[in-house]
């Protein structure tokens, strides 16, 4: 617990289908959540599939709104989340700094911003990675991560996700991303410039088989791996 109390009101920026909002209100009857996104079509899908799956009481504690995260938000919140590297859509330094400042303004006095990031020397390469995964019904398929272009001058990174199924069918470019590959030093410096008092980096641990163990702990230094994922907390 970073602030000595439990958070109640969460805002999910770049929320897409609002999945985190829905999970948040499931966890505790006093939790409330609202999500912001520009894409009305995706928000509608989330309302029909994710919010609608909640019980009536939980549905009343979720609001998904079509809004620009760069605009001022009137309602102060306990915490803001910008996950799945979504804030990397802000490719200009001035834009991401403005976003961090807006978030800080919208937090309560002891509020916290949570972010994720990835990197490693493979993150700067054009590459394709495949792995076998299973859906909730136990059906196996191939997940393909493509880093299709990277510009070392601007930091612009373009990526696609494809799905390939055992019957020969597939979904090409099921998801596409066009963002900037922000590094952890850049992100932390921008957060400090935006006025956040402290930023912690949570680094992923490894088990005895040298596989990710799913546990993220605050660290001061990280390993120079080919690929890593980290979380950040920024305290107002």
Protein backbone atom coordinates (compact mmCIF):
# COMPACT_ATOMS: atom_id res chain seq x y z
CA UNK A 1 0.00 0.00 0.00
CA UNK A 2 1.78 3.14 -1.22
CA UNK A 3 -0.38 5.77 0.46
CA UNK A 4 -1.58 4.17 3.69
CA UNK A 5 -5.16 3.68 2.51
CA UNK A 6 -7.13 1.66 -0.02
CA UNK A 7 -8.01 3.32 -3.31
CA UNK A 8 -11.69 3.50 -4.25
CA UNK A 9 -12.05 5.55 -7.45
CA UNK A 10 -10.01 4.43 -10.48
CA UNK A 11 -9.71 6.07 -13.88
CA UNK A 12 -8.57 3.93 -16.79
CA UNK A 13 -7.11 6.10 -19.57
CA UNK A 14 -7.00 4.81 -23.15
CA UNK A 15 -9.45 2.29 -21.70
CA UNK A 16 -10.59 0.57 -24.90
CA UNK A 17 -13.22 -1.95 -23.83
CA UNK A 18 -12.96 -0.96 -20.14
CA UNK A 19 -11.83 -4.40 -18.99
CA UNK A 20 -9.77 -3.02 -16.10
CA UNK A 21 -12.68 -0.84 -14.95
CA UNK A 22 -14.91 -3.90 -14.81
CA UNK A 23 -12.38 -5.98 -12.92
CA UNK A 24 -11.87 -3.14 -10.43
CA UNK A 25 -15.54 -2.91 -9.44
CA UNK A 26 -15.77 -6.71 -9.15
CA UNK A 27 -13.09 -6.70 -6.48
CA UNK A 28 -14.86 -4.62 -3.86
CA UNK A 29 -18.37 -3.27 -3.49
CA UNK A 30 -17.07 0.19 -2.62
CA UNK A 31 -14.89 0.47 -5.73
CA UNK A 32 -15.89 2.77 -8.59
CA UNK A 33 -14.31 3.21 -12.00
CA UNK A 34 -14.56 5.25 -15.13
CA UNK A 35 -12.71 4.86 -18.38
CA UNK A 36 -11.74 7.33 -21.09
CA UNK A 37 -11.15 6.57 -24.74
CA UNK A 38 -11.59 8.33 -28.09
CA UNK A 39 -12.92 5.29 -29.98
CA UNK A 40 -16.72 5.14 -29.69
CA UNK A 41 -16.92 1.76 -31.44
CA UNK A 42 -14.57 0.09 -28.97
CA UNK A 43 -16.35 1.70 -26.03
CA UNK A 44 -19.70 0.40 -27.31
CA UNK A 45 -18.25 -3.11 -27.55
CA UNK A 46 -17.04 -2.84 -23.97
CA UNK A 47 -20.46 -1.69 -22.77
CA UNK A 48 -22.21 -4.56 -24.53
CA UNK A 49 -19.79 -7.32 -23.52
CA UNK A 50 -17.82 -6.31 -20.42
CA UNK A 51 -20.05 -3.89 -18.53
CA UNK A 52 -23.19 -5.83 -19.39
CA UNK A 53 -21.65 -8.97 -17.86
CA UNK A 54 -21.51 -7.30 -14.44
CA UNK A 55 -24.32 -7.57 -11.94
CA UNK A 56 -26.63 -4.58 -11.63
CA UNK A 57 -24.89 -3.07 -8.61
CA UNK A 58 -21.45 -3.29 -10.21
CA UNK A 59 -22.71 -1.83 -13.51
CA UNK A 60 -23.87 1.25 -11.63
CA UNK A 61 -20.30 1.85 -10.45
CA UNK A 62 -18.72 1.90 -13.95
CA UNK A 63 -18.80 4.69 -16.51
CA UNK A 64 -17.10 4.53 -19.91
CA UNK A 65 -16.78 7.92 -21.58
CA UNK A 66 -15.68 9.03 -25.01
CA UNK A 67 -13.15 11.71 -24.11
CA UNK A 68 -9.63 12.97 -24.78
CA UNK A 69 -7.20 12.16 -21.97
CA UNK A 70 -5.35 15.41 -22.78
CA UNK A 71 -8.38 17.45 -21.76
CA UNK A 72 -8.95 18.50 -18.11
CA UNK A 73 -11.11 16.11 -16.08
CA UNK A 74 -13.25 17.61 -13.35
CA UNK A 75 -13.59 14.64 -11.01
CA UNK A 76 -10.53 13.92 -8.81
CA UNK A 77 -9.60 10.24 -8.57
CA UNK A 78 -7.46 8.04 -6.32
CA UNK A 79 -5.49 6.54 -9.14
CA UNK A 80 -5.08 6.61 -12.91
CA UNK A 81 -3.97 3.68 -15.06
CA UNK A 82 -2.54 3.88 -18.58
CA UNK A 83 -1.69 0.29 -19.45
CA UNK A 84 -0.74 -1.86 -22.42
CA UNK A 85 1.76 0.88 -23.36
CA UNK A 86 -1.20 2.94 -24.58
CA UNK A 87 0.28 6.30 -23.61
CA UNK A 88 3.08 5.63 -26.15
CA UNK A 89 0.58 6.81 -28.76
CA UNK A 90 1.71 10.27 -27.63
CA UNK A 91 4.88 10.41 -29.70
CA UNK A 92 5.88 14.03 -29.08
CA UNK A 93 7.62 14.98 -25.86
CA UNK A 94 5.35 17.99 -25.39
CA UNK A 95 2.26 15.80 -25.72
CA UNK A 96 3.29 13.17 -23.20
CA UNK A 97 4.45 15.85 -20.75
CA UNK A 98 1.09 17.58 -21.11
CA UNK A 99 -0.65 14.27 -20.46
CA UNK A 100 1.35 13.58 -17.30
CA UNK A 101 0.56 17.09 -16.03
CA UNK A 102 -3.15 16.61 -16.72
CA UNK A 103 -3.11 13.32 -14.84
CA UNK A 104 -1.39 14.89 -11.87
CA UNK A 105 -3.97 17.69 -11.78
CA UNK A 106 -6.79 15.14 -11.76
CA UNK A 107 -5.43 13.06 -8.88
CA UNK A 108 -6.37 13.54 -5.26
CA UNK A 109 -3.61 14.85 -3.03
CA UNK A 110 -2.30 11.35 -2.32
CA UNK A 111 -3.18 9.93 -5.75
CA UNK A 112 -0.99 7.65 -7.86
CA UNK A 113 -0.50 7.13 -11.60
CA UNK A 114 0.32 3.59 -12.77
CA UNK A 115 2.00 2.83 -16.10
CA UNK A 116 3.67 -0.08 -17.84
CA UNK A 117 6.64 -0.12 -20.19
CA UNK A 118 8.73 -2.58 -22.11
CA UNK A 119 12.19 -2.52 -23.62
CA UNK A 120 15.46 -4.37 -24.01
CA UNK A 121 17.80 -4.46 -26.97
CA UNK A 122 15.35 -6.51 -29.06
CA UNK A 123 12.78 -3.72 -28.72
CA UNK A 124 14.79 -1.60 -31.16
CA UNK A 125 14.86 -4.28 -33.87
CA UNK A 126 12.61 -5.31 -36.74
CA UNK A 127 11.62 -8.86 -35.79
CA UNK A 128 8.82 -11.43 -35.63
CA UNK A 129 8.11 -13.75 -32.69
CA UNK A 130 5.68 -16.66 -32.51
CA UNK A 131 4.38 -18.55 -29.52
CA UNK A 132 1.71 -21.14 -28.89
CA UNK A 133 -1.07 -20.08 -26.54
CA UNK A 134 -4.48 -21.38 -25.48
CA UNK A 135 -7.83 -19.61 -25.32
CA UNK A 136 -10.13 -19.92 -22.25
CA UNK A 137 -11.74 -22.99 -23.83
CA UNK A 138 -8.40 -24.77 -24.14
CA UNK A 139 -8.01 -24.38 -27.91
CA UNK A 140 -4.42 -23.82 -29.03
CA UNK A 141 -3.36 -21.27 -31.62
CA UNK A 142 -0.27 -19.31 -32.66
CA UNK A 143 0.23 -15.73 -31.50
CA UNK A 144 2.56 -13.65 -33.69
CA UNK A 145 4.19 -10.39 -32.54
CA UNK A 146 5.67 -8.37 -35.42
CA UNK A 147 7.87 -5.33 -34.95
CA UNK A 148 7.60 -4.11 -38.52
CA UNK A 149 9.49 -0.79 -38.40
CA UNK A 150 11.64 1.25 -36.04
CA UNK A 151 13.12 4.69 -36.66
CA UNK A 152 16.09 5.44 -34.37
CA UNK A 153 15.87 9.18 -35.08
CA UNK A 154 12.25 9.71 -34.00
CA UNK A 155 11.83 6.61 -31.82
CA UNK A 156 8.74 5.64 -33.83
CA UNK A 157 7.89 1.94 -33.55
CA UNK A 158 5.24 0.11 -35.59
CA UNK A 159 3.99 -3.31 -34.47
CA UNK A 160 1.30 -5.82 -35.50
CA UNK A 161 -0.29 -8.82 -33.80
CA UNK A 162 -1.51 -11.76 -35.88
CA UNK A 163 -3.36 -14.94 -34.89
CA UNK A 164 -2.96 -18.21 -36.81
CA UNK A 165 -5.18 -21.20 -36.17
CA UNK A 166 -4.59 -24.91 -36.66
CA UNK A 167 -7.26 -25.18 -39.38
CA UNK A 168 -5.18 -22.92 -41.62
CA UNK A 169 -7.20 -19.77 -41.01
CA UNK A 170 -5.93 -16.68 -39.27
CA UNK A 171 -6.31 -13.02 -38.45
CA UNK A 172 -3.62 -10.86 -40.02
CA UNK A 173 -2.98 -7.52 -38.30
CA UNK A 174 -5.68 -8.20 -35.73
CA UNK A 175 -4.05 -5.36 -33.76
CA UNK A 176 -1.69 -2.67 -35.04
CA UNK A 177 0.29 -0.12 -33.05
CA UNK A 178 2.04 3.03 -34.19
CA UNK A 179 3.77 4.61 -31.23
CA UNK A 180 7.05 5.85 -29.80
CA UNK A 181 9.35 3.53 -27.91
CA UNK A 182 9.80 5.56 -24.74
CA UNK A 183 12.64 4.43 -22.47
CA UNK A 184 12.43 4.25 -18.68
CA UNK A 185 14.85 7.18 -18.09
CA UNK A 186 12.76 9.35 -20.43
CA UNK A 187 9.50 8.38 -18.73
CA UNK A 188 10.84 8.98 -15.23
CA UNK A 189 12.34 12.35 -16.18
CA UNK A 190 9.05 13.44 -17.76
CA UNK A 191 7.09 12.37 -14.69
CA UNK A 192 9.42 14.39 -12.47
CA UNK A 193 9.12 17.39 -14.79
CA UNK A 194 5.33 17.06 -14.60
CA UNK A 195 5.57 17.43 -10.82
CA UNK A 196 5.27 13.87 -9.49
CA UNK A 197 7.08 13.51 -6.18
CA UNK A 198 8.34 9.93 -6.52
CA UNK A 199 8.44 7.28 -9.23
CA UNK A 200 9.08 3.59 -8.56
CA UNK A 201 9.97 0.97 -11.17
CA UNK A 202 8.73 -2.59 -10.59
CA UNK A 203 10.88 -5.22 -12.31
CA UNK A 204 9.82 -8.76 -13.18
CA UNK A 205 11.34 -11.66 -11.27
CA UNK A 206 12.46 -15.05 -12.61
CA UNK A 207 12.03 -18.60 -11.33
CA UNK A 208 14.61 -21.39 -11.06
CA UNK A 209 13.99 -22.37 -14.71
CA UNK A 210 14.85 -18.82 -15.83
CA UNK A 211 11.22 -18.14 -16.70
CA UNK A 212 9.21 -15.04 -15.67
CA UNK A 213 7.57 -15.70 -12.29
CA UNK A 214 4.90 -12.97 -12.54
CA UNK A 215 6.18 -11.12 -9.47
CA UNK A 216 7.17 -7.47 -9.90
CA UNK A 217 9.25 -5.81 -7.19
CA UNK A 218 10.52 -2.22 -6.87
CA UNK A 219 14.15 -1.92 -7.97
CA UNK A 220 16.79 0.75 -8.52
CA UNK A 221 18.63 -1.11 -11.29
CA UNK A 222 17.53 -3.62 -13.94
CA UNK A 223 19.08 -6.33 -16.06
CA UNK A 224 20.15 -5.62 -19.68
CA UNK A 225 17.85 -8.29 -21.10
CA UNK A 226 16.83 -8.70 -24.72
CA UNK A 227 13.25 -8.03 -23.66
CA UNK A 228 11.68 -6.94 -20.37
CA UNK A 229 8.39 -5.59 -19.02
CA UNK A 230 8.14 -3.23 -16.07
CA UNK A 231 5.48 -1.27 -14.19
CA UNK A 232 5.79 2.23 -12.79
CA UNK A 233 4.01 4.08 -10.01
CA UNK A 234 4.16 7.89 -9.89
CA UNK A 235 3.04 9.53 -6.66
CA UNK A 236 1.59 13.02 -6.63
